[in-house]
Amino acid sequence: MKEIQENERGLFEHFKFIADKGQTITRADKFLCDRIENFSRSKIQEAAQNGFLFANGIPIRSSYKVKPLDVISIELDFPKLELEIIPENIPIHIVFEDDDILVINKNPQMVVHPGYGNYTGTLVNALAWYMQDNPLFTSGDPRPGLVHRIDKDTSGLLVIAKNEDAKIHLSKQFFDKTIERTYNALVWGIPTEREGIISGYIGRSLKDRKVMTMFPDETHGKWSVTHYKVLEEIGYVSLVECKLETGRTHQIRTHFKSIGYPLFNDQTYGGDQILRGTTFSKYKQFVHNAFKICPRQALHAKTLGFIHPQTKKYLEFSSELPEDMANLISKWRNYIAVQNKNE
């Protein structure tokens, strides 16, 4: 549970979790890191050093061993630059809506929530306009209704909670990993195994905090699992389907980079270079033109399934590939068809 509160320190976020009866003994910082999206262990450890980490109401160290039914809570300084959400009349593609949830198909290039360098023009700004009569979206919460997110340059489906009850139920499904999510991606090369599982510990690079990387253990990363299947081999690239078992930051992008098949035109993970193919100048020009057609990583959140928080019925939504990815795949198919014809 998260609340926004105020004391002599100003606004802060108060998180509280009750350990399950079957909770295995684990460090408090790891316990919280697994439950609070996009918060690092170092931030939790800093809160503990300042006396803002608690077990059953008593200040603890980050190394405290959480036991079954422990009440673990933490107070974190509220992100000051995210306090004011300005409603903006930005079009959003609504796939489904009722009194409890909103399912949207996010366009590429749209940031989900305000952050460094992106304080306007985000999905949250658009939702603040669309939901301006909804108390959840006028509460000052910088992430109202958000229970998950996708990267700025990734397109596809997102579910938004329209009330606190829906937010709690959906958040628990994401935490319990019962949400069904599949993505389509175009990757460089053709994986040796046409179907498989990529797993390992993902964390922020120790050299560049904006980049995620794989680690050998949980010291610097969180466990992650992606199931994948090659849908189509297109010469020097492959269209793959990815099913998420976990939902770490940049998970699919990091996983495919780690096995040598970066996403096409992924500038962060090396996919914006010509990684497969010939050295002919015509081929190089073709690839550079392909980069222009889809000027982002070729990744789309295609399907999303979950239990409705009110009706308890399973809902599943699917979306078509956006125009830039569809045109990119078509261009590759045509190029390979011509090459095969000329052989």
Protein backbone atom coordinates (compact mmCIF):
# COMPACT_ATOMS: atom_id res chain seq x y z
CA MET A 1 0.00 0.00 0.00
CA LYS A 2 1.27 3.49 -0.82
CA GLU A 3 0.14 6.81 0.62
CA ILE A 4 1.29 10.38 0.09
CA GLN A 5 1.69 12.09 3.47
CA GLU A 6 3.20 15.27 4.88
CA ASN A 7 5.19 16.06 8.02
CA GLU A 8 7.93 18.50 9.01
CA ARG A 9 10.09 17.09 6.18
CA GLY A 10 7.44 17.97 3.63
CA LEU A 11 5.66 15.54 1.35
CA PHE A 12 6.81 11.94 1.40
CA GLU A 13 5.68 8.55 0.10
CA HIS A 14 4.75 6.00 2.73
CA PHE A 15 4.84 2.36 1.66
CA LYS A 16 3.58 -0.46 3.87
CA PHE A 17 3.61 -4.21 3.22
CA ILE A 18 2.59 -7.17 5.35
CA ALA A 19 4.72 -10.26 4.81
CA ASP A 20 2.78 -13.40 3.88
CA LYS A 21 2.45 -16.33 6.27
CA GLY A 22 4.74 -18.30 4.00
CA GLN A 23 7.34 -15.54 3.69
CA THR A 24 10.88 -16.91 3.56
CA ILE A 25 13.49 -15.13 5.65
CA THR A 26 14.93 -12.31 3.51
CA ARG A 27 16.62 -8.95 3.93
CA ALA A 28 14.34 -5.94 4.31
CA ASP A 29 15.96 -4.04 1.43
CA LYS A 30 15.44 -6.97 -0.94
CA PHE A 31 11.88 -7.49 0.37
CA LEU A 32 11.00 -3.87 -0.48
CA CYS A 33 12.99 -3.73 -3.71
CA ASP A 34 10.88 -6.60 -5.05
CA ARG A 35 7.68 -4.73 -4.22
CA ILE A 36 8.35 -1.07 -5.07
CA GLU A 37 8.80 -0.46 -8.77
CA ASN A 38 11.90 1.46 -9.86
CA PHE A 39 13.41 1.87 -6.38
CA SER A 40 17.00 0.76 -5.88
CA ARG A 41 18.47 -0.97 -2.84
CA SER A 42 20.75 2.01 -2.26
CA LYS A 43 17.75 4.32 -1.87
CA ILE A 44 16.16 1.92 0.61
CA GLN A 45 19.44 1.59 2.50
CA GLU A 46 19.72 5.39 2.66
CA ALA A 47 16.21 5.59 4.13
CA ALA A 48 17.20 2.99 6.75
CA GLN A 49 20.32 4.97 7.69
CA ASN A 50 18.13 8.05 8.20
CA GLY A 51 15.67 6.13 10.41
CA PHE A 52 12.81 5.85 7.92
CA LEU A 53 12.67 2.06 7.52
CA PHE A 54 10.46 0.18 9.99
CA ALA A 55 9.45 -3.34 11.01
CA ASN A 56 6.29 -3.44 13.10
CA GLY A 57 6.71 0.28 13.81
CA ILE A 58 10.31 0.03 15.02
CA PRO A 59 13.21 1.52 13.01
CA ILE A 60 15.42 -1.19 11.49
CA ARG A 61 18.53 -1.59 9.37
CA SER A 62 18.25 -2.57 5.74
CA SER A 63 19.78 -5.95 6.63
CA TYR A 64 16.88 -6.79 8.97
CA LYS A 65 15.54 -10.27 8.23
CA VAL A 66 11.84 -10.10 7.34
CA LYS A 67 9.75 -12.86 8.92
CA PRO A 68 6.18 -14.05 8.20
CA LEU A 69 3.51 -11.44 9.05
CA ASP A 70 6.05 -8.67 9.69
CA VAL A 71 4.71 -5.22 8.83
CA ILE A 72 7.45 -3.50 6.84
CA SER A 73 7.11 0.19 6.05
CA ILE A 74 9.34 2.90 4.60
CA GLU A 75 9.13 6.65 4.13
CA LEU A 76 10.74 8.05 0.98
CA ASP A 77 11.11 11.68 0.00
CA PHE A 78 8.51 12.62 -2.58
CA PRO A 79 9.92 13.46 -6.03
CA LYS A 80 9.58 17.23 -5.92
CA LEU A 81 9.66 17.82 -9.67
CA GLU A 82 6.78 15.43 -10.16
CA LEU A 83 4.38 17.08 -7.72
CA GLU A 84 2.40 19.17 -10.18
CA ILE A 85 0.69 17.24 -12.93
CA ILE A 86 -0.56 19.62 -15.63
CA PRO A 87 -3.66 18.28 -17.46
CA GLU A 88 -3.06 18.36 -21.20
CA ASN A 89 -5.52 17.66 -23.98
CA ILE A 90 -3.47 14.93 -25.65
CA PRO A 91 -5.29 12.27 -27.73
CA ILE A 92 -5.14 8.73 -26.34
CA HIS A 93 -6.24 5.55 -28.09
CA ILE A 94 -8.81 3.90 -25.79
CA VAL A 95 -9.31 0.18 -26.36
CA PHE A 96 -11.68 -0.48 -23.44
CA GLU A 97 -13.21 1.49 -20.59
CA ASP A 98 -15.66 0.92 -17.75
CA ASP A 99 -16.09 2.32 -14.22
CA ASP A 100 -12.96 0.59 -12.92
CA ILE A 101 -10.34 0.36 -15.65
CA LEU A 102 -9.09 1.97 -18.82
CA VAL A 103 -7.10 0.02 -21.42
CA ILE A 104 -5.15 2.13 -23.88
CA ASN A 105 -2.90 1.48 -26.86
CA LYS A 106 0.10 3.78 -26.35
CA ASN A 107 1.72 5.36 -29.36
CA PRO A 108 5.52 5.18 -29.68
CA GLN A 109 7.37 8.33 -28.56
CA MET A 110 4.93 8.97 -25.68
CA VAL A 111 6.47 8.91 -22.21
CA VAL A 112 4.22 7.20 -19.64
CA HIS A 113 4.80 9.44 -16.61
CA PRO A 114 6.68 12.70 -15.90
CA GLY A 115 10.33 12.43 -15.02
CA TYR A 116 13.68 13.99 -15.69
CA GLY A 117 13.50 15.82 -19.03
CA ASN A 118 9.82 14.89 -19.58
CA TYR A 119 7.54 16.95 -17.35
CA THR A 120 4.82 17.54 -19.94
CA GLY A 121 3.35 15.67 -22.89
CA THR A 122 3.22 12.36 -21.03
CA LEU A 123 0.46 9.81 -20.72
CA VAL A 124 -0.13 10.94 -17.13
CA ASN A 125 -0.68 14.52 -18.37
CA ALA A 126 -3.17 13.17 -20.93
CA LEU A 127 -4.94 11.08 -18.28
CA ALA A 128 -5.12 14.07 -15.92
CA TRP A 129 -7.11 15.87 -18.64
CA TYR A 130 -9.28 12.91 -19.60
CA MET A 131 -9.97 12.01 -15.93
CA GLN A 132 -10.14 15.54 -14.55
CA ASP A 133 -13.32 14.77 -12.59
CA ASN A 134 -11.86 11.58 -11.08
CA PRO A 135 -10.47 12.09 -7.50
CA LEU A 136 -7.67 9.59 -8.13
CA PHE A 137 -6.33 11.82 -10.90
CA THR A 138 -6.56 15.07 -8.91
CA SER A 139 -4.92 13.78 -5.72
CA GLY A 140 -1.40 14.99 -6.49
CA ASP A 141 -0.16 11.44 -7.02
CA PRO A 142 2.45 11.64 -9.84
CA ARG A 143 1.45 8.19 -11.11
CA PRO A 144 -2.33 8.14 -10.68
CA GLY A 145 -3.88 4.86 -11.77
CA LEU A 146 -0.62 3.46 -13.13
CA VAL A 147 0.06 -0.16 -12.20
CA HIS A 148 2.71 -0.78 -14.88
CA ARG A 149 4.43 1.05 -17.70
CA ILE A 150 6.23 0.55 -21.00
CA ASP A 151 9.19 2.49 -22.35
CA LYS A 152 8.78 5.75 -24.24
CA ASP A 153 9.78 4.21 -27.57
CA THR A 154 7.78 1.02 -27.05
CA SER A 155 4.20 1.00 -28.31
CA GLY A 156 1.24 -1.03 -27.10
CA LEU A 157 -1.24 -1.89 -24.40
CA LEU A 158 -1.47 -0.49 -20.88
CA VAL A 159 -4.18 -0.90 -18.25
CA ILE A 160 -5.01 2.07 -16.02
CA ALA A 161 -6.91 1.86 -12.73
CA LYS A 162 -9.72 4.39 -12.31
CA ASN A 163 -10.11 3.98 -8.54
CA GLU A 164 -8.04 2.85 -5.55
CA ASP A 165 -9.71 -0.56 -5.30
CA ALA A 166 -8.91 -1.34 -8.92
CA LYS A 167 -5.34 -0.11 -8.44
CA ILE A 168 -4.80 -2.42 -5.46
CA HIS A 169 -6.24 -5.47 -7.26
CA LEU A 170 -4.31 -4.88 -10.48
CA SER A 171 -1.08 -4.10 -8.64
CA LYS A 172 -1.36 -7.40 -6.78
CA GLN A 173 -1.80 -9.30 -10.05
CA PHE A 174 1.39 -7.72 -11.40
CA PHE A 175 3.21 -8.55 -8.17
CA ASP A 176 1.92 -12.13 -8.23
CA LYS A 177 2.99 -12.38 -11.90
CA THR A 178 -0.47 -13.54 -13.01
CA ILE A 179 -0.82 -10.85 -15.69
CA GLU A 180 -0.58 -12.22 -19.23
CA ARG A 181 1.65 -10.04 -21.44
CA THR A 182 3.08 -10.74 -24.87
CA TYR A 183 5.22 -8.48 -27.02
CA ASN A 184 6.30 -8.57 -30.65
CA ALA A 185 9.87 -7.55 -31.41
CA LEU A 186 12.09 -7.43 -34.46
CA VAL A 187 15.60 -8.53 -33.51
CA TRP A 188 18.91 -8.71 -35.35
CA GLY A 189 19.77 -12.23 -36.47
CA ILE A 190 18.00 -15.56 -36.14
CA PRO A 191 18.22 -17.15 -32.68
CA THR A 192 19.81 -20.59 -32.71
CA GLU A 193 16.98 -21.87 -30.55
CA ARG A 194 13.75 -20.89 -32.26
CA GLU A 195 11.88 -21.15 -28.95
CA GLY A 196 13.27 -20.79 -25.46
CA ILE A 197 13.60 -18.98 -22.17
CA ILE A 198 15.96 -16.12 -21.31
CA SER A 199 16.50 -15.62 -17.59
CA GLY A 200 18.93 -14.01 -15.18
CA TYR A 201 19.42 -11.07 -12.84
CA ILE A 202 18.77 -7.62 -14.36
CA GLY A 203 20.01 -4.44 -12.73
CA ARG A 204 21.25 -0.97 -13.59
CA SER A 205 24.72 -0.89 -15.11
CA LEU A 206 27.39 0.15 -12.63
CA LYS A 207 28.90 2.33 -15.38
CA ASP A 208 25.72 3.94 -16.75
CA ARG A 209 22.59 4.07 -14.58
CA LYS A 210 20.36 4.63 -17.63
CA VAL A 211 21.30 1.23 -19.03
CA MET A 212 20.22 -2.16 -17.67
CA THR A 213 22.52 -5.17 -17.76
CA MET A 214 22.71 -8.80 -16.65
CA PHE A 215 24.43 -9.75 -13.38
CA PRO A 216 25.54 -13.17 -12.08
CA ASP A 217 23.53 -12.94 -8.85
CA GLU A 218 21.03 -10.84 -6.89
CA THR A 219 23.67 -8.50 -5.44
CA HIS A 220 23.02 -5.92 -8.16
CA GLY A 221 19.99 -7.30 -9.99
CA LYS A 222 16.50 -8.76 -9.80
CA TRP A 223 15.46 -12.13 -11.22
CA SER A 224 13.86 -11.92 -14.66
CA VAL A 225 12.31 -14.41 -17.10
CA THR A 226 11.24 -13.99 -20.73
CA HIS A 227 9.73 -16.80 -22.83
CA TYR A 228 10.24 -16.27 -26.55
CA LYS A 229 9.29 -17.85 -29.86
CA VAL A 230 10.50 -16.95 -33.36
CA LEU A 231 7.43 -16.14 -35.45
CA GLU A 232 9.20 -15.38 -38.72
CA GLU A 233 12.74 -15.47 -40.08
CA ILE A 234 13.30 -12.54 -42.44
CA GLY A 235 16.80 -12.83 -43.78
CA TYR A 236 19.03 -11.05 -41.32
CA VAL A 237 16.32 -10.27 -38.75
CA SER A 238 13.63 -12.21 -36.91
CA LEU A 239 10.14 -11.36 -35.73
CA VAL A 240 9.79 -12.83 -32.24
CA GLU A 241 6.99 -13.15 -29.72
CA CYS A 242 7.97 -12.54 -26.11
CA LYS A 243 5.91 -13.56 -23.11
CA LEU A 244 6.88 -11.88 -19.86
CA GLU A 245 7.00 -13.89 -16.66
CA THR A 246 8.53 -10.93 -14.82
CA GLY A 247 8.42 -7.25 -15.73
CA ARG A 248 11.81 -5.65 -15.11
CA THR A 249 12.90 -2.35 -16.62
CA HIS A 250 14.05 -2.85 -20.24
CA GLN A 251 13.65 -6.61 -19.71
CA ILE A 252 13.14 -7.73 -23.33
CA ARG A 253 15.74 -5.29 -24.63
CA THR A 254 18.32 -6.40 -22.07
CA HIS A 255 17.59 -10.11 -22.50
CA PHE A 256 18.00 -10.14 -26.28
CA LYS A 257 21.12 -8.00 -26.05
CA SER A 258 22.55 -10.54 -23.58
CA ILE A 259 22.16 -13.47 -26.01
CA GLY A 260 23.51 -11.57 -29.00
CA TYR A 261 20.29 -10.55 -30.80
CA PRO A 262 19.59 -6.86 -29.93
CA LEU A 263 16.29 -5.32 -30.94
CA PHE A 264 16.35 -3.61 -34.32
CA ASN A 265 17.23 0.10 -34.01
CA ASP A 266 17.56 -0.03 -30.20
CA GLN A 267 19.97 2.86 -29.66
CA THR A 268 20.54 2.04 -25.99
CA TYR A 269 21.50 -1.59 -26.52
CA GLY A 270 23.40 -1.46 -29.81
CA GLY A 271 20.60 -2.34 -32.20
CA ASP A 272 21.06 0.88 -34.17
CA GLN A 273 24.15 -0.57 -35.86
CA ILE A 274 24.27 -2.97 -38.83
CA LEU A 275 24.84 -6.21 -36.94
CA ARG A 276 23.98 -8.79 -39.63
CA GLY A 277 24.10 -8.95 -43.40
CA THR A 278 26.49 -8.00 -46.17
CA THR A 279 29.06 -5.25 -46.61
CA PHE A 280 27.57 -4.03 -49.90
CA SER A 281 26.77 -0.31 -50.00
CA LYS A 282 23.23 -0.98 -51.29
CA TYR A 283 22.53 -3.17 -48.27
CA LYS A 284 23.89 -0.54 -45.89
CA GLN A 285 21.66 2.07 -47.52
CA PHE A 286 18.67 -0.26 -47.21
CA VAL A 287 19.27 -0.71 -43.46
CA HIS A 288 19.71 3.02 -42.87
CA ASN A 289 16.43 3.62 -44.69
CA ALA A 290 14.84 0.94 -42.49
CA PHE A 291 16.10 2.79 -39.40
CA LYS A 292 14.29 5.90 -40.65
CA ILE A 293 11.02 3.99 -41.19
CA CYS A 294 11.02 2.83 -37.55
CA PRO A 295 13.13 5.38 -35.63
CA ARG A 296 12.94 3.48 -32.33
CA GLN A 297 13.44 0.01 -30.92
CA ALA A 298 11.08 -2.33 -32.79
CA LEU A 299 9.03 -3.44 -29.78
CA HIS A 300 5.26 -3.56 -29.32
CA ALA A 301 3.17 -4.65 -26.32
CA LYS A 302 0.69 -6.73 -28.33
CA THR A 303 -1.55 -8.53 -25.80
CA LEU A 304 -2.58 -7.92 -22.21
CA GLY A 305 -4.70 -10.22 -20.04
CA PHE A 306 -5.83 -9.90 -16.43
CA ILE A 307 -8.67 -10.53 -13.98
CA HIS A 308 -11.09 -7.60 -13.84
CA PRO A 309 -10.86 -6.09 -10.32
CA GLN A 310 -14.63 -5.86 -9.91
CA THR A 311 -16.26 -8.62 -12.01
CA LYS A 312 -13.38 -11.10 -11.39
CA LYS A 313 -13.69 -12.21 -15.03
CA TYR A 314 -10.59 -12.73 -17.17
CA LEU A 315 -10.17 -10.09 -19.87
CA GLU A 316 -7.67 -10.18 -22.71
CA PHE A 317 -6.92 -7.48 -25.24
CA SER A 318 -4.87 -7.54 -28.42
CA SER A 319 -3.53 -4.75 -30.62
CA GLU A 320 -2.19 -4.57 -34.15
CA LEU A 321 1.38 -3.60 -34.86
CA PRO A 322 1.73 0.18 -35.25
CA GLU A 323 2.34 1.58 -38.70
CA ASP A 324 6.09 2.11 -38.30
CA MET A 325 6.77 -1.49 -37.22
CA ALA A 326 4.39 -2.95 -39.80
CA ASN A 327 6.09 -0.94 -42.57
CA LEU A 328 9.52 -1.97 -41.30
CA ILE A 329 8.67 -5.68 -41.39
CA SER A 330 7.12 -5.29 -44.85
CA LYS A 331 10.28 -3.56 -46.11
CA TRP A 332 12.45 -6.42 -44.82
CA ARG A 333 10.18 -9.03 -46.42
CA ASN A 334 10.31 -7.27 -49.77
CA TYR A 335 14.07 -6.87 -49.62
CA ILE A 336 14.69 -10.55 -48.81
CA ALA A 337 12.18 -11.65 -51.49
CA VAL A 338 14.08 -9.68 -54.12
CA GLN A 339 17.42 -11.06 -52.92
CA ASN A 340 16.15 -14.64 -53.09
CA LYS A 341 14.71 -14.05 -56.54
CA ASN A 342 18.05 -12.74 -57.82
CA GLU A 343 20.07 -15.66 -56.48
